[in-house]
Amino acid sequence: MRAADEHEDEHRDEHRDGDGVGGPAGDPACWLDRVCPACGRLAEGEPRPDRCPACGEPLPGE
């Protein structure tokens, strides 16, 4: 085995949890309805806004 392959295996193992699956990977998909289809900005706040605060485009339905 090449040294580079061994390094990749060690690095990969650092990012696994107990069940062999990678750990947390960013925000959940439930944020998808807050992404503006026109400009890509994430609309934050509660209650969920109906329009993008940056460009005014209607956000996807819930």
Foldseek 3Di string as FASTA:
>chain_A
DDPVVVVVVVVQVVQADDVRDGDDDDDDCVQVQQQAPPPRDGQDDPPRDQARPPPRHGTDDD
